[in-house]
Amino acid sequence: MNIEDQIKTSGQLPPSRRLLISLLYTANQINDQIGEALKPFDISIPQFNVLRILRGQKGKPANLSTIQERMVSKMSNTTRLVDKLILKGLVERIICEENRRKVEISITQQGMNLLTRIDPVVDNAENAITNNLQPDEMEKMTDLLQQLRH
């Protein structure tokens, strides 16, 4: 089904609008599917992103600006996300004694354990989303999206 049918519009859209609406529509569909995969773990996509960023630190803490830089969605309120993860026991905040403005965030063992359980579920969801594409098509699409961002 083409995008015009999906959004129930009559007539052909201009190519640039057709592309952008297709991208937004697809991104929302992907977010919904990944969100559903994460639902049983009581974690949102941005929270999952924070946990993966912290795991990628390999034991080193990160500050809020480092986390924000690496977020997939720059719209996320990193402080609020970290606060929610702290309440769940998945990350911890360390405040520097000498400089109380210096705050570092680390993933806890509980957070690491949760990621170990989530990883195969998200892998399966990602594979289900992309199963209609061949590896070379995925590479080409990735390259094209990168061109669009620059």
Protein backbone atom coordinates (compact mmCIF):
# COMPACT_ATOMS: atom_id res chain seq x y z
CA MET A 1 0.00 0.00 0.00
CA ASN A 2 1.42 3.38 -0.93
CA ILE A 3 1.67 6.28 1.51
CA GLU A 4 -1.20 8.20 -0.08
CA ASP A 5 -3.53 5.28 0.64
CA GLN A 6 -2.18 4.87 4.16
CA ILE A 7 -2.81 8.50 5.07
CA LYS A 8 -6.03 8.53 2.99
CA THR A 9 -5.23 11.44 0.74
CA SER A 10 -6.38 11.81 -2.84
CA GLY A 11 -3.89 12.47 -5.59
CA GLN A 12 -0.16 12.03 -5.80
CA LEU A 13 1.99 13.95 -3.30
CA PRO A 14 5.07 15.87 -4.50
CA PRO A 15 8.14 13.58 -4.29
CA SER A 16 9.82 15.42 -1.38
CA ARG A 17 6.62 15.44 0.71
CA ARG A 18 5.91 11.82 -0.20
CA LEU A 19 9.38 10.82 0.98
CA LEU A 20 9.22 12.77 4.25
CA ILE A 21 5.73 11.58 5.13
CA SER A 22 6.81 8.01 4.34
CA LEU A 23 9.82 8.40 6.63
CA LEU A 24 7.74 9.83 9.48
CA TYR A 25 5.03 7.21 9.05
CA THR A 26 7.61 4.42 9.04
CA ALA A 27 9.51 5.85 12.02
CA ASN A 28 6.29 5.97 14.04
CA GLN A 29 5.46 2.41 13.06
CA ILE A 30 8.95 1.24 14.12
CA ASN A 31 8.68 3.14 17.41
CA ASP A 32 5.34 1.46 18.09
CA GLN A 33 6.78 -2.00 17.43
CA ILE A 34 9.90 -1.47 19.56
CA GLY A 35 7.75 0.13 22.28
CA GLU A 36 5.54 -2.97 22.32
CA ALA A 37 8.61 -5.19 22.65
CA LEU A 38 9.79 -3.13 25.64
CA LYS A 39 6.37 -2.91 27.32
CA PRO A 40 6.71 -6.15 29.36
CA PHE A 41 9.91 -4.73 30.88
CA ASP A 42 8.17 -1.49 31.97
CA ILE A 43 10.70 0.64 30.13
CA SER A 44 10.34 3.26 27.39
CA ILE A 45 12.45 3.52 24.25
CA PRO A 46 14.33 6.62 25.55
CA GLN A 47 15.00 4.87 28.89
CA PHE A 48 16.29 1.84 26.98
CA ASN A 49 18.50 4.18 24.95
CA VAL A 50 19.98 5.67 28.17
CA LEU A 51 20.72 2.20 29.54
CA ARG A 52 22.47 1.18 26.32
CA ILE A 53 24.52 4.38 26.33
CA LEU A 54 25.62 3.72 29.91
CA ARG A 55 26.43 0.08 29.15
CA GLY A 56 28.57 1.36 26.28
CA GLN A 57 30.62 3.34 28.79
CA LYS A 58 32.11 -0.01 29.90
CA GLY A 59 32.05 0.79 33.62
CA LYS A 60 32.93 4.48 33.31
CA PRO A 61 30.27 6.92 34.48
CA ALA A 62 28.80 9.48 32.08
CA ASN A 63 27.54 12.99 32.71
CA LEU A 64 24.14 14.20 31.55
CA SER A 65 25.53 16.08 28.54
CA THR A 66 27.34 12.96 27.29
CA ILE A 67 24.11 10.98 27.54
CA GLN A 68 22.15 13.76 25.81
CA GLU A 69 24.69 13.90 22.93
CA ARG A 70 24.33 10.19 22.29
CA MET A 71 20.55 9.97 22.53
CA VAL A 72 18.76 8.91 19.36
CA SER A 73 15.95 11.36 20.18
CA LYS A 74 17.38 14.75 21.09
CA MET A 75 13.90 15.77 22.32
CA SER A 76 14.19 13.57 25.39
CA ASN A 77 14.48 15.18 28.81
CA THR A 78 17.61 13.37 29.95
CA THR A 79 17.38 14.47 33.58
CA ARG A 80 13.82 13.16 33.86
CA LEU A 81 14.76 9.88 32.14
CA VAL A 82 17.70 9.36 34.50
CA ASP A 83 15.51 10.17 37.52
CA LYS A 84 13.01 7.48 36.45
CA LEU A 85 15.80 4.95 35.93
CA ILE A 86 17.21 5.77 39.38
CA LEU A 87 13.79 5.11 40.94
CA LYS A 88 13.77 1.72 39.20
CA GLY A 89 17.26 0.94 40.53
CA LEU A 90 18.70 0.67 37.03
CA VAL A 91 21.16 3.56 37.23
CA GLU A 92 22.79 5.56 40.00
CA ARG A 93 23.76 9.20 40.29
CA ILE A 94 27.12 10.04 41.84
CA ILE A 95 27.65 13.63 42.98
CA CYS A 96 31.27 14.76 43.23
CA GLU A 97 32.17 15.81 46.79
CA GLU A 98 34.57 18.57 45.66
CA ASN A 99 32.27 20.01 42.99
CA ARG A 100 28.59 19.35 43.70
CA ARG A 101 27.66 20.52 40.19
CA LYS A 102 29.58 17.57 38.74
CA VAL A 103 27.13 14.68 38.49
CA GLU A 104 27.97 11.33 36.97
CA ILE A 105 25.58 8.55 36.04
CA SER A 106 26.38 4.82 36.04
CA ILE A 107 24.37 1.75 35.15
CA THR A 108 23.76 -0.61 38.08
CA GLN A 109 24.08 -4.39 38.00
CA GLN A 110 20.28 -4.51 38.00
CA GLY A 111 20.32 -2.31 34.86
CA MET A 112 22.87 -4.59 33.20
CA ASN A 113 20.77 -7.65 34.08
CA LEU A 114 17.68 -6.02 32.58
CA LEU A 115 19.53 -5.25 29.34
CA THR A 116 20.63 -8.89 29.15
CA ARG A 117 16.95 -9.90 29.25
CA ILE A 118 15.81 -7.15 26.85
CA ASP A 119 18.53 -7.52 24.19
CA PRO A 120 17.20 -10.71 22.52
CA VAL A 121 13.63 -9.36 22.54
CA VAL A 122 14.69 -6.11 20.83
CA ASP A 123 16.91 -8.06 18.41
CA ASN A 124 13.90 -10.17 17.42
CA ALA A 125 11.72 -7.07 16.99
CA GLU A 126 14.37 -5.36 14.85
CA ASN A 127 14.77 -8.49 12.71
CA ALA A 128 11.00 -8.75 12.27
CA ILE A 129 10.83 -5.10 11.18
CA THR A 130 13.62 -5.49 8.61
CA ASN A 131 12.94 -9.06 7.44
CA ASN A 132 11.61 -7.86 4.04
CA LEU A 133 14.98 -6.31 3.21
CA GLN A 134 18.19 -7.95 2.06
CA PRO A 135 21.47 -6.93 3.80
CA ASP A 136 22.61 -4.93 0.75
CA GLU A 137 19.23 -3.11 0.68
CA MET A 138 19.62 -2.24 4.37
CA GLU A 139 23.10 -0.85 3.67
CA LYS A 140 21.83 1.20 0.72
CA MET A 141 18.92 2.55 2.75
CA THR A 142 21.25 3.43 5.62
CA ASP A 143 23.54 5.27 3.19
CA LEU A 144 20.62 7.18 1.68
CA LEU A 145 19.30 8.19 5.11
CA GLN A 146 22.77 9.37 6.06
CA GLN A 147 22.87 11.53 2.92
CA LEU A 148 19.50 12.98 3.87
CA ARG A 149 20.80 13.96 7.33
CA HIS A 150 23.80 15.86 5.91
